[in-house]
Amino acid sequence: MKNLVTAVLMTIVTTILLGIIYPLVVTGLAQVIFPAEANGSLIMSSDGTVLGSRLLGQPFSSPGYFRSRPSAAGAVGYDGGASSGSNLGPTNQKLLDRVKADVAKLRAENPGQQVPIDLVTTSASGLDPHISPAAAEFQIPRVARERGINPDELRTLIKAHTTGRQFGFLGESTVSVLELNLDLDNRYVMRKP
């Protein structure tokens, strides 16, 4: 009986400590130290509409926009509730066929240019909001043509949205696709077909 009472008391204490107190402390600290990140790093329009998150990728299919990395999250991609990679190995025929088809499509769009790897491969989460500067540069001819603007203006815009390596040595430089496209919409009107 003594063991049963001890077990029940330990369950109650650990439930209160780890199920209530610890989450409240961590949530409170996150709100104080990293409020933007703790609240999803949302990008809001001037009227208060949520446009997206700095932390999550989203699809852009119109030719007048820079496109994100492909996504394997969910059946149609970019599903935050199904965040994950495809788990297909490098010799899986389904993966090889998809990558070959994506490379062929991109080569047709921009002949003679080497296709950046991040435009045909998914990230581990399937929700990466960034592309490499090379991937953004690769898309300049299409976006410039669709928007009717000078490619050099797009290069300047890409540089403005390029973030360098973290702490100057970790990772690679990245371009936020959502922020780049929002700035693109603010500066240049899409041409009508």
N, C-alpha and C. Protein backbone atom coordinates (compact mmCIF):
# COMPACT_ATOMS: atom_id res chain seq x y z
N MET A 1 0.81 -1.19 0.00
CA MET A 1 0.00 0.00 0.00
C MET A 1 0.87 1.27 0.00
N LYS A 2 1.99 1.19 0.73
CA LYS A 2 2.91 2.32 0.81
C LYS A 2 3.46 2.64 -0.59
N ASN A 3 3.81 1.62 -1.36
CA ASN A 3 4.33 1.81 -2.71
C ASN A 3 3.28 2.45 -3.62
N LEU A 4 2.03 2.05 -3.47
CA LEU A 4 0.95 2.61 -4.28
C LEU A 4 0.75 4.10 -3.98
N VAL A 5 0.78 4.46 -2.72
CA VAL A 5 0.63 5.87 -2.31
C VAL A 5 1.80 6.69 -2.86
N THR A 6 3.00 6.15 -2.75
CA THR A 6 4.20 6.84 -3.27
C THR A 6 4.09 7.02 -4.78
N ALA A 7 3.65 5.99 -5.49
CA ALA A 7 3.51 6.07 -6.94
C ALA A 7 2.47 7.11 -7.34
N VAL A 8 1.34 7.15 -6.66
CA VAL A 8 0.29 8.12 -6.97
C VAL A 8 0.78 9.54 -6.68
N LEU A 9 1.45 9.74 -5.54
CA LEU A 9 1.97 11.06 -5.20
C LEU A 9 3.03 11.52 -6.21
N MET A 10 3.91 10.61 -6.62
CA MET A 10 4.94 10.96 -7.61
C MET A 10 4.30 11.32 -8.96
N THR A 11 3.24 10.61 -9.31
CA THR A 11 2.52 10.92 -10.56
C THR A 11 1.90 12.30 -10.49
N ILE A 12 1.30 12.62 -9.38
CA ILE A 12 0.68 13.94 -9.20
C ILE A 12 1.74 15.04 -9.22
N VAL A 13 2.82 14.84 -8.47
CA VAL A 13 3.90 15.85 -8.40
C VAL A 13 4.54 16.05 -9.77
N THR A 14 4.90 14.98 -10.46
CA THR A 14 5.54 15.13 -11.77
C THR A 14 4.58 15.70 -12.81
N THR A 15 3.30 15.37 -12.70
CA THR A 15 2.31 15.94 -13.63
C THR A 15 2.22 17.45 -13.42
N ILE A 16 2.15 17.89 -12.19
CA ILE A 16 2.08 19.33 -11.90
C ILE A 16 3.38 20.02 -12.32
N LEU A 17 4.51 19.42 -11.95
CA LEU A 17 5.81 20.02 -12.23
C LEU A 17 6.11 20.05 -13.74
N LEU A 18 5.98 18.90 -14.41
CA LEU A 18 6.38 18.80 -15.81
C LEU A 18 5.24 19.07 -16.80
N GLY A 19 4.01 18.95 -16.33
CA GLY A 19 2.89 19.16 -17.23
C GLY A 19 2.26 20.55 -17.13
N ILE A 20 2.53 21.25 -16.04
CA ILE A 20 1.93 22.58 -15.87
C ILE A 20 3.01 23.65 -15.64
N ILE A 21 3.81 23.49 -14.60
CA ILE A 21 4.79 24.53 -14.23
C ILE A 21 5.87 24.70 -15.30
N TYR A 22 6.49 23.60 -15.73
CA TYR A 22 7.57 23.69 -16.72
C TYR A 22 7.08 24.32 -18.03
N PRO A 23 5.97 23.88 -18.63
CA PRO A 23 5.51 24.53 -19.87
C PRO A 23 5.19 26.02 -19.69
N LEU A 24 4.62 26.40 -18.54
CA LEU A 24 4.33 27.81 -18.30
C LEU A 24 5.61 28.64 -18.19
N VAL A 25 6.62 28.11 -17.53
CA VAL A 25 7.90 28.81 -17.40
C VAL A 25 8.57 28.96 -18.76
N VAL A 26 8.62 27.88 -19.54
CA VAL A 26 9.25 27.93 -20.86
C VAL A 26 8.49 28.89 -21.78
N THR A 27 7.18 28.83 -21.77
CA THR A 27 6.37 29.73 -22.60
C THR A 27 6.59 31.17 -22.18
N GLY A 28 6.61 31.44 -20.90
CA GLY A 28 6.84 32.80 -20.39
C GLY A 28 8.22 33.32 -20.79
N LEU A 29 9.24 32.49 -20.65
CA LEU A 29 10.59 32.90 -21.05
C LEU A 29 10.66 33.17 -22.55
N ALA A 30 10.03 32.32 -23.33
CA ALA A 30 10.03 32.51 -24.79
C ALA A 30 9.35 33.82 -25.16
N GLN A 31 8.24 34.15 -24.48
CA GLN A 31 7.55 35.41 -24.77
C GLN A 31 8.40 36.63 -24.40
N VAL A 32 9.22 36.49 -23.37
CA VAL A 32 10.05 37.61 -22.94
C VAL A 32 11.32 37.71 -23.80
N ILE A 33 11.99 36.59 -24.04
CA ILE A 33 13.29 36.61 -24.73
C ILE A 33 13.14 36.65 -26.25
N PHE A 34 12.22 35.86 -26.81
CA PHE A 34 12.04 35.76 -28.26
C PHE A 34 10.56 35.93 -28.63
N PRO A 35 9.97 37.10 -28.41
CA PRO A 35 8.53 37.23 -28.63
C PRO A 35 8.09 36.99 -30.08
N ALA A 36 8.84 37.47 -31.05
CA ALA A 36 8.44 37.28 -32.46
C ALA A 36 8.45 35.80 -32.83
N GLU A 37 9.52 35.10 -32.47
CA GLU A 37 9.63 33.68 -32.79
C GLU A 37 8.59 32.86 -32.04
N ALA A 38 8.35 33.21 -30.78
CA ALA A 38 7.38 32.46 -29.98
C ALA A 38 5.96 32.60 -30.53
N ASN A 39 5.71 33.67 -31.25
CA ASN A 39 4.38 33.90 -31.81
C ASN A 39 4.32 33.60 -33.29
N GLY A 40 5.30 32.87 -33.81
CA GLY A 40 5.25 32.40 -35.19
C GLY A 40 5.94 33.27 -36.22
N SER A 41 6.60 34.36 -35.82
CA SER A 41 7.27 35.26 -36.76
C SER A 41 6.37 35.64 -37.92
N LEU A 42 5.16 36.04 -37.60
CA LEU A 42 4.17 36.34 -38.63
C LEU A 42 4.48 37.65 -39.33
N ILE A 43 4.21 37.67 -40.63
CA ILE A 43 4.32 38.89 -41.44
C ILE A 43 2.90 39.37 -41.67
N MET A 44 2.64 40.60 -41.26
CA MET A 44 1.29 41.16 -41.33
C MET A 44 1.23 42.26 -42.39
N SER A 45 0.07 42.38 -43.01
CA SER A 45 -0.15 43.49 -43.94
C SER A 45 -0.52 44.72 -43.13
N SER A 46 -0.63 45.86 -43.82
CA SER A 46 -0.95 47.10 -43.11
C SER A 46 -2.35 47.06 -42.49
N ASP A 47 -3.24 46.22 -43.03
CA ASP A 47 -4.59 46.12 -42.46
C ASP A 47 -4.72 45.00 -41.43
N GLY A 48 -3.60 44.38 -41.04
CA GLY A 48 -3.62 43.35 -40.01
C GLY A 48 -3.82 41.93 -40.48
N THR A 49 -3.87 41.72 -41.79
CA THR A 49 -4.02 40.37 -42.35
C THR A 49 -2.68 39.64 -42.28
N VAL A 50 -2.72 38.39 -41.88
CA VAL A 50 -1.51 37.58 -41.85
C VAL A 50 -1.16 37.16 -43.27
N LEU A 51 0.06 37.52 -43.72
CA LEU A 51 0.51 37.19 -45.07
C LEU A 51 1.33 35.90 -45.10
N GLY A 52 1.91 35.55 -43.98
CA GLY A 52 2.73 34.35 -43.90
C GLY A 52 3.63 34.43 -42.68
N SER A 53 4.59 33.51 -42.63
CA SER A 53 5.53 33.46 -41.52
C SER A 53 6.95 33.47 -42.07
N ARG A 54 7.83 34.11 -41.34
CA ARG A 54 9.25 34.11 -41.73
C ARG A 54 9.87 32.72 -41.52
N LEU A 55 9.18 31.86 -40.80
CA LEU A 55 9.73 30.55 -40.46
C LEU A 55 9.24 29.41 -41.35
N LEU A 56 8.17 29.64 -42.12
CA LEU A 56 7.56 28.58 -42.91
C LEU A 56 7.51 28.93 -44.39
N GLY A 57 7.92 28.00 -45.22
CA GLY A 57 7.83 28.21 -46.66
C GLY A 57 6.39 28.08 -47.13
N GLN A 58 6.13 28.65 -48.28
CA GLN A 58 4.82 28.52 -48.88
C GLN A 58 4.99 28.51 -50.40
N PRO A 59 4.02 27.94 -51.10
CA PRO A 59 4.17 27.80 -52.55
C PRO A 59 3.87 29.10 -53.30
N PHE A 60 4.60 29.32 -54.38
CA PHE A 60 4.34 30.40 -55.32
C PHE A 60 4.36 29.77 -56.69
N SER A 61 3.24 29.75 -57.37
CA SER A 61 3.17 29.08 -58.67
C SER A 61 3.14 30.05 -59.85
N SER A 62 2.76 31.30 -59.62
CA SER A 62 2.70 32.27 -60.70
C SER A 62 4.12 32.54 -61.23
N PRO A 63 4.27 32.64 -62.55
CA PRO A 63 5.62 32.87 -63.11
C PRO A 63 6.20 34.23 -62.74
N GLY A 64 5.41 35.15 -62.23
CA GLY A 64 5.91 36.47 -61.84
C GLY A 64 6.47 36.52 -60.44
N TYR A 65 6.58 35.37 -59.79
CA TYR A 65 7.12 35.30 -58.43
C TYR A 65 8.32 34.37 -58.37
N PHE A 66 9.19 34.62 -57.40
CA PHE A 66 10.27 33.69 -57.10
C PHE A 66 9.64 32.49 -56.42
N ARG A 67 10.12 31.32 -56.75
CA ARG A 67 9.54 30.10 -56.19
C ARG A 67 10.40 29.54 -55.08
N SER A 68 9.74 28.90 -54.15
CA SER A 68 10.39 28.27 -53.01
C SER A 68 10.96 26.91 -53.42
N ARG A 69 11.61 26.28 -52.48
CA ARG A 69 12.05 24.89 -52.68
C ARG A 69 10.82 24.01 -52.79
N PRO A 70 10.95 22.87 -53.46
CA PRO A 70 9.83 21.92 -53.45
C PRO A 70 9.57 21.46 -52.00
N SER A 71 8.35 21.03 -51.75
CA SER A 71 7.99 20.58 -50.40
C SER A 71 7.44 19.16 -50.45
N ALA A 72 7.85 18.36 -49.48
CA ALA A 72 7.32 17.01 -49.33
C ALA A 72 6.37 16.93 -48.14
N ALA A 73 6.03 18.08 -47.58
CA ALA A 73 5.17 18.11 -46.38
C ALA A 73 3.70 18.00 -46.79
N GLY A 74 3.13 16.86 -46.54
CA GLY A 74 1.72 16.63 -46.87
C GLY A 74 1.52 16.20 -48.31
N ALA A 75 0.30 15.87 -48.65
CA ALA A 75 -0.02 15.35 -49.98
C ALA A 75 0.27 16.36 -51.09
N VAL A 76 0.01 17.64 -50.84
CA VAL A 76 0.25 18.66 -51.85
C VAL A 76 1.41 19.58 -51.50
N GLY A 77 2.07 19.34 -50.39
CA GLY A 77 3.22 20.14 -49.99
C GLY A 77 2.84 21.33 -49.14
N TYR A 78 3.81 21.83 -48.40
CA TYR A 78 3.69 23.02 -47.56
C TYR A 78 2.59 22.90 -46.50
N ASP A 79 2.31 21.69 -46.04
CA ASP A 79 1.32 21.46 -45.00
C ASP A 79 2.04 21.43 -43.66
N GLY A 80 1.84 22.48 -42.85
CA GLY A 80 2.52 22.59 -41.57
C GLY A 80 2.21 21.45 -40.61
N GLY A 81 1.05 20.84 -40.77
CA GLY A 81 0.67 19.72 -39.92
C GLY A 81 1.32 18.41 -40.33
N ALA A 82 1.94 18.39 -41.49
CA ALA A 82 2.59 17.17 -41.99
C ALA A 82 4.05 17.44 -42.30
N SER A 83 4.68 18.29 -41.51
CA SER A 83 6.06 18.69 -41.76
C SER A 83 7.00 17.50 -41.68
N SER A 84 7.66 17.22 -42.80
CA SER A 84 8.68 16.18 -42.84
C SER A 84 9.25 16.11 -44.23
N GLY A 85 10.36 15.45 -44.35
CA GLY A 85 10.92 15.17 -45.66
C GLY A 85 10.20 13.98 -46.26
N SER A 86 10.59 13.62 -47.45
CA SER A 86 9.92 12.51 -48.12
C SER A 86 10.40 11.15 -47.62
N ASN A 87 11.58 11.11 -47.02
CA ASN A 87 12.23 9.88 -46.57
C ASN A 87 12.54 8.93 -47.73
N LEU A 88 12.58 9.46 -48.95
CA LEU A 88 12.98 8.65 -50.10
C LEU A 88 14.50 8.71 -50.22
N GLY A 89 15.12 7.54 -50.36
CA GLY A 89 16.57 7.47 -50.47
C GLY A 89 17.06 7.94 -51.83
N PRO A 90 18.37 8.20 -51.96
CA PRO A 90 18.92 8.72 -53.21
C PRO A 90 18.80 7.77 -54.39
N THR A 91 18.49 6.51 -54.15
CA THR A 91 18.33 5.57 -55.26
C THR A 91 16.86 5.22 -55.51
N ASN A 92 15.96 5.87 -54.79
CA ASN A 92 14.53 5.60 -54.97
C ASN A 92 14.07 6.14 -56.32
N GLN A 93 13.44 5.31 -57.12
CA GLN A 93 13.04 5.70 -58.47
C GLN A 93 12.02 6.84 -58.48
N LYS A 94 11.13 6.85 -57.51
CA LYS A 94 10.13 7.92 -57.43
C LYS A 94 10.82 9.28 -57.24
N LEU A 95 11.81 9.33 -56.35
CA LEU A 95 12.57 10.56 -56.12
C LEU A 95 13.36 10.94 -57.37
N LEU A 96 14.03 9.98 -57.96
CA LEU A 96 14.82 10.25 -59.17
C LEU A 96 13.95 10.80 -60.30
N ASP A 97 12.78 10.21 -60.49
CA ASP A 97 11.87 10.67 -61.55
C ASP A 97 11.39 12.09 -61.28
N ARG A 98 11.05 12.40 -60.02
CA ARG A 98 10.58 13.75 -59.69
C ARG A 98 11.68 14.77 -59.91
N VAL A 99 12.90 14.47 -59.45
CA VAL A 99 14.01 15.41 -59.60
C VAL A 99 14.35 15.61 -61.08
N LYS A 100 14.38 14.52 -61.86
CA LYS A 100 14.66 14.64 -63.29
C LYS A 100 13.61 15.50 -63.99
N ALA A 101 12.35 15.32 -63.64
CA ALA A 101 11.27 16.11 -64.25
C ALA A 101 11.41 17.59 -63.86
N ASP A 102 11.74 17.85 -62.60
CA ASP A 102 11.92 19.24 -62.15
C ASP A 102 13.11 19.89 -62.84
N VAL A 103 14.20 19.15 -62.98
CA VAL A 103 15.39 19.68 -63.66
C VAL A 103 15.07 19.98 -65.12
N ALA A 104 14.37 19.08 -65.79
CA ALA A 104 14.00 19.30 -67.20
C ALA A 104 13.13 20.54 -67.35
N LYS A 105 12.17 20.71 -66.45
CA LYS A 105 11.28 21.87 -66.50
C LYS A 105 12.06 23.17 -66.29
N LEU A 106 12.99 23.16 -65.34
CA LEU A 106 13.77 24.36 -65.06
C LEU A 106 14.77 24.65 -66.18
N ARG A 107 15.33 23.62 -66.77
CA ARG A 107 16.25 23.84 -67.91
C ARG A 107 15.51 24.42 -69.10
N ALA A 108 14.28 24.02 -69.30
CA ALA A 108 13.48 24.58 -70.40
C ALA A 108 13.17 26.06 -70.12
N GLU A 109 12.99 26.39 -68.85
CA GLU A 109 12.71 27.76 -68.46
C GLU A 109 13.94 28.66 -68.61
N ASN A 110 15.10 28.10 -68.35
CA ASN A 110 16.34 28.88 -68.34
C ASN A 110 17.45 28.06 -69.00
N PRO A 111 17.41 27.91 -70.35
CA PRO A 111 18.37 27.05 -71.05
C PRO A 111 19.82 27.49 -70.85
N GLY A 112 20.67 26.50 -70.78
CA GLY A 112 22.10 26.76 -70.68
C GLY A 112 22.60 27.10 -69.29
N GLN A 113 21.71 27.21 -68.32
CA GLN A 113 22.11 27.54 -66.96
C GLN A 113 22.07 26.29 -66.08
N GLN A 114 23.01 26.20 -65.18
CA GLN A 114 23.02 25.08 -64.24
C GLN A 114 21.90 25.29 -63.21
N VAL A 115 21.11 24.26 -62.98
CA VAL A 115 19.98 24.34 -62.05
C VAL A 115 20.50 24.18 -60.61
N PRO A 116 20.24 25.18 -59.75
CA PRO A 116 20.66 25.07 -58.34
C PRO A 116 19.95 23.89 -57.66
N ILE A 117 20.66 23.18 -56.85
CA ILE A 117 20.16 21.96 -56.22
C ILE A 117 18.94 22.22 -55.35
N ASP A 118 18.87 23.39 -54.71
CA ASP A 118 17.75 23.63 -53.81
C ASP A 118 16.44 23.93 -54.54
N LEU A 119 16.46 24.07 -55.85
CA LEU A 119 15.22 24.23 -56.60
C LEU A 119 14.59 22.89 -56.99
N VAL A 120 15.32 21.79 -56.76
CA VAL A 120 14.79 20.47 -57.12
C VAL A 120 14.79 19.49 -55.96
N THR A 121 15.32 19.88 -54.81
CA THR A 121 15.32 18.99 -53.64
C THR A 121 14.53 19.63 -52.50
N THR A 122 13.88 18.79 -51.72
CA THR A 122 13.11 19.28 -50.58
C THR A 122 14.01 19.39 -49.36
N SER A 123 13.59 20.21 -48.41
CA SER A 123 14.33 20.31 -47.16
C SER A 123 13.85 19.21 -46.21
N ALA A 124 14.53 19.05 -45.10
CA ALA A 124 14.17 18.01 -44.14
C ALA A 124 12.78 18.24 -43.57
N SER A 125 12.40 19.49 -43.37
CA SER A 125 11.07 19.79 -42.81
C SER A 125 10.01 19.86 -43.90
N GLY A 126 10.42 20.12 -45.13
CA GLY A 126 9.47 20.33 -46.21
C GLY A 126 8.87 21.72 -46.19
N LEU A 127 9.32 22.56 -45.24
CA LEU A 127 8.75 23.90 -45.07
C LEU A 127 9.81 25.00 -45.05
N ASP A 128 10.95 24.76 -45.67
CA ASP A 128 12.05 25.73 -45.65
C ASP A 128 11.62 27.02 -46.35
N PRO A 129 11.68 28.16 -45.67
CA PRO A 129 11.24 29.42 -46.28
C PRO A 129 12.32 30.11 -47.12
N HIS A 130 13.50 29.51 -47.20
CA HIS A 130 14.62 30.16 -47.88
C HIS A 130 15.10 29.38 -49.09
N ILE A 131 15.72 30.10 -50.00
CA ILE A 131 16.46 29.50 -51.10
C ILE A 131 17.85 30.13 -51.10
N SER A 132 18.75 29.54 -51.85
CA SER A 132 20.09 30.10 -51.96
C SER A 132 20.07 31.32 -52.88
N PRO A 133 21.04 32.21 -52.75
CA PRO A 133 21.13 33.32 -53.71
C PRO A 133 21.24 32.83 -55.15
N ALA A 134 21.90 31.69 -55.37
CA ALA A 134 22.02 31.13 -56.73
C ALA A 134 20.65 30.71 -57.26
N ALA A 135 19.80 30.17 -56.40
CA ALA A 135 18.45 29.76 -56.82
C ALA A 135 17.61 30.98 -57.16
N ALA A 136 17.77 32.06 -56.41
CA ALA A 136 17.04 33.30 -56.73
C ALA A 136 17.56 33.89 -58.04
N GLU A 137 18.86 33.90 -58.21
CA GLU A 137 19.49 34.41 -59.44
C GLU A 137 19.01 33.63 -60.66
N PHE A 138 18.87 32.33 -60.51
CA PHE A 138 18.42 31.47 -61.61
C PHE A 138 17.03 31.87 -62.10
N GLN A 139 16.20 32.36 -61.20
CA GLN A 139 14.81 32.69 -61.54
C GLN A 139 14.63 34.11 -62.08
N ILE A 140 15.68 34.91 -62.09
CA ILE A 140 15.58 36.31 -62.53
C ILE A 140 15.02 36.46 -63.95
N PRO A 141 15.49 35.70 -64.95
CA PRO A 141 14.95 35.93 -66.31
C PRO A 141 13.43 35.76 -66.39
N ARG A 142 12.89 34.74 -65.74
CA ARG A 142 11.45 34.51 -65.78
C ARG A 142 10.68 35.62 -65.08
N VAL A 143 11.12 35.99 -63.88
CA VAL A 143 10.42 37.02 -63.12
C VAL A 143 10.53 38.38 -63.83
N ALA A 144 11.70 38.71 -64.36
CA ALA A 144 11.89 39.98 -65.07
C ALA A 144 10.99 40.04 -66.30
N ARG A 145 10.91 38.94 -67.02
CA ARG A 145 10.06 38.88 -68.22
C ARG A 145 8.59 39.06 -67.84
N GLU A 146 8.14 38.37 -66.81
CA GLU A 146 6.74 38.44 -66.41
C GLU A 146 6.36 39.80 -65.84
N ARG A 147 7.29 40.41 -65.14
CA ARG A 147 7.02 41.71 -64.52
C ARG A 147 7.38 42.88 -65.44
N GLY A 148 8.13 42.59 -66.51
CA GLY A 148 8.55 43.66 -67.41
C GLY A 148 9.53 44.63 -66.79
N ILE A 149 10.47 44.08 -65.99
CA ILE A 149 11.45 44.94 -65.33
C ILE A 149 12.86 44.49 -65.68
N ASN A 150 13.80 45.36 -65.42
CA ASN A 150 15.21 45.12 -65.70
C ASN A 150 15.76 44.06 -64.73
N PRO A 151 16.47 43.05 -65.24
CA PRO A 151 17.05 42.02 -64.36
C PRO A 151 17.99 42.58 -63.29
N ASP A 152 18.67 43.70 -63.59
CA ASP A 152 19.57 44.28 -62.59
C ASP A 152 18.80 44.80 -61.37
N GLU A 153 17.56 45.26 -61.59
CA GLU A 153 16.74 45.69 -60.46
C GLU A 153 16.40 44.51 -59.56
N LEU A 154 16.17 43.36 -60.18
CA LEU A 154 15.89 42.16 -59.39
C LEU A 154 17.13 41.70 -58.63
N ARG A 155 18.29 41.82 -59.23
CA ARG A 155 19.53 41.44 -58.53
C ARG A 155 19.70 42.30 -57.27
N THR A 156 19.41 43.59 -57.40
CA THR A 156 19.51 44.50 -56.25
C THR A 156 18.50 44.10 -55.18
N LEU A 157 17.31 43.74 -55.59
CA LEU A 157 16.27 43.33 -54.65
C LEU A 157 16.67 42.03 -53.94
N ILE A 158 17.23 41.10 -54.67
CA ILE A 158 17.70 39.83 -54.07
C ILE A 158 18.77 40.11 -53.04
N LYS A 159 19.72 40.97 -53.36
CA LYS A 159 20.79 41.30 -52.41
C LYS A 159 20.22 41.90 -51.13
N ALA A 160 19.16 42.71 -51.27
CA ALA A 160 18.53 43.33 -50.10
C ALA A 160 17.87 42.29 -49.20
N HIS A 161 17.48 41.15 -49.76
CA HIS A 161 16.81 40.11 -48.98
C HIS A 161 17.70 38.90 -48.72
N THR A 162 18.99 39.06 -48.95
CA THR A 162 19.93 37.98 -48.68
C THR A 162 20.50 38.14 -47.28
N THR A 163 20.44 37.07 -46.52
CA THR A 163 20.99 37.05 -45.17
C THR A 163 22.27 36.22 -45.21
N GLY A 164 23.34 36.76 -44.65
CA GLY A 164 24.62 36.06 -44.65
C GLY A 164 24.64 34.89 -43.68
N ARG A 165 25.77 34.26 -43.60
CA ARG A 165 25.95 33.12 -42.69
C ARG A 165 25.72 33.56 -41.25
N GLN A 166 25.14 32.65 -40.46
CA GLN A 166 24.90 32.95 -39.05
C GLN A 166 26.24 33.07 -38.33
N PHE A 167 26.41 34.13 -37.57
CA PHE A 167 27.65 34.44 -36.85
C PHE A 167 28.85 34.56 -37.80
N GLY A 168 28.57 34.72 -39.09
CA GLY A 168 29.64 34.91 -40.07
C GLY A 168 30.30 33.64 -40.57
N PHE A 169 29.97 32.47 -39.98
CA PHE A 169 30.64 31.24 -40.42
C PHE A 169 29.74 30.01 -40.44
N LEU A 170 28.54 30.07 -39.88
CA LEU A 170 27.65 28.90 -39.85
C LEU A 170 26.67 28.93 -41.01
N GLY A 171 26.53 27.81 -41.70
CA GLY A 171 25.55 27.70 -42.78
C GLY A 171 25.96 28.45 -44.01
N GLU A 172 24.97 28.75 -44.84
CA GLU A 172 25.19 29.47 -46.10
C GLU A 172 24.29 30.69 -46.15
N SER A 173 24.56 31.58 -47.07
CA SER A 173 23.68 32.74 -47.28
C SER A 173 22.34 32.26 -47.81
N THR A 174 21.27 32.93 -47.40
CA THR A 174 19.92 32.54 -47.82
C THR A 174 19.11 33.76 -48.24
N VAL A 175 18.05 33.49 -49.01
CA VAL A 175 17.11 34.52 -49.44
C VAL A 175 15.73 34.09 -48.96
N SER A 176 15.03 34.97 -48.26
CA SER A 176 13.67 34.69 -47.81
C SER A 176 12.72 34.89 -48.99
N VAL A 177 12.12 33.81 -49.47
CA VAL A 177 11.27 33.86 -50.66
C VAL A 177 10.02 34.72 -50.42
N LEU A 178 9.36 34.54 -49.29
CA LEU A 178 8.15 35.30 -49.00
C LEU A 178 8.45 36.79 -48.92
N GLU A 179 9.47 37.16 -48.18
CA GLU A 179 9.79 38.58 -48.04
C GLU A 179 10.22 39.19 -49.37
N LEU A 180 10.97 38.43 -50.18
CA LEU A 180 11.37 38.89 -51.50
C LEU A 180 10.14 39.13 -52.39
N ASN A 181 9.21 38.18 -52.39
CA ASN A 181 8.00 38.32 -53.21
C ASN A 181 7.09 39.45 -52.73
N LEU A 182 7.00 39.64 -51.42
CA LEU A 182 6.19 40.75 -50.90
C LEU A 182 6.79 42.09 -51.32
N ASP A 183 8.11 42.20 -51.23
CA ASP A 183 8.78 43.43 -51.66
C ASP A 183 8.62 43.63 -53.17
N LEU A 184 8.68 42.54 -53.91
CA LEU A 184 8.48 42.59 -55.35
C LEU A 184 7.09 43.14 -55.68
N ASP A 185 6.07 42.66 -54.98
CA ASP A 185 4.71 43.17 -55.18
C ASP A 185 4.58 44.64 -54.80
N ASN A 186 5.28 45.06 -53.75
CA ASN A 186 5.22 46.46 -53.33
C ASN A 186 5.88 47.40 -54.33
N ARG A 187 6.90 46.91 -55.03
CA ARG A 187 7.66 47.78 -55.94
C ARG A 187 7.22 47.70 -57.39
N TYR A 188 6.80 46.51 -57.84
CA TYR A 188 6.54 46.32 -59.27
C TYR A 188 5.17 45.64 -59.47
N VAL A 189 4.40 46.20 -60.35
CA VAL A 189 3.10 45.63 -60.67
C VAL A 189 3.28 44.50 -61.67
N MET A 190 2.51 43.46 -61.50
CA MET A 190 2.55 42.32 -62.43
C MET A 190 1.90 42.75 -63.75
N ARG A 191 2.57 42.42 -64.85
CA ARG A 191 1.99 42.75 -66.16
C ARG A 191 0.77 41.88 -66.43
N LYS A 192 -0.20 42.43 -67.09
CA LYS A 192 -1.41 41.67 -67.44
C LYS A 192 -1.13 40.85 -68.68
N PRO A 193 -1.65 39.60 -68.73
CA PRO A 193 -1.40 38.74 -69.89
C PRO A 193 -2.12 39.24 -71.13
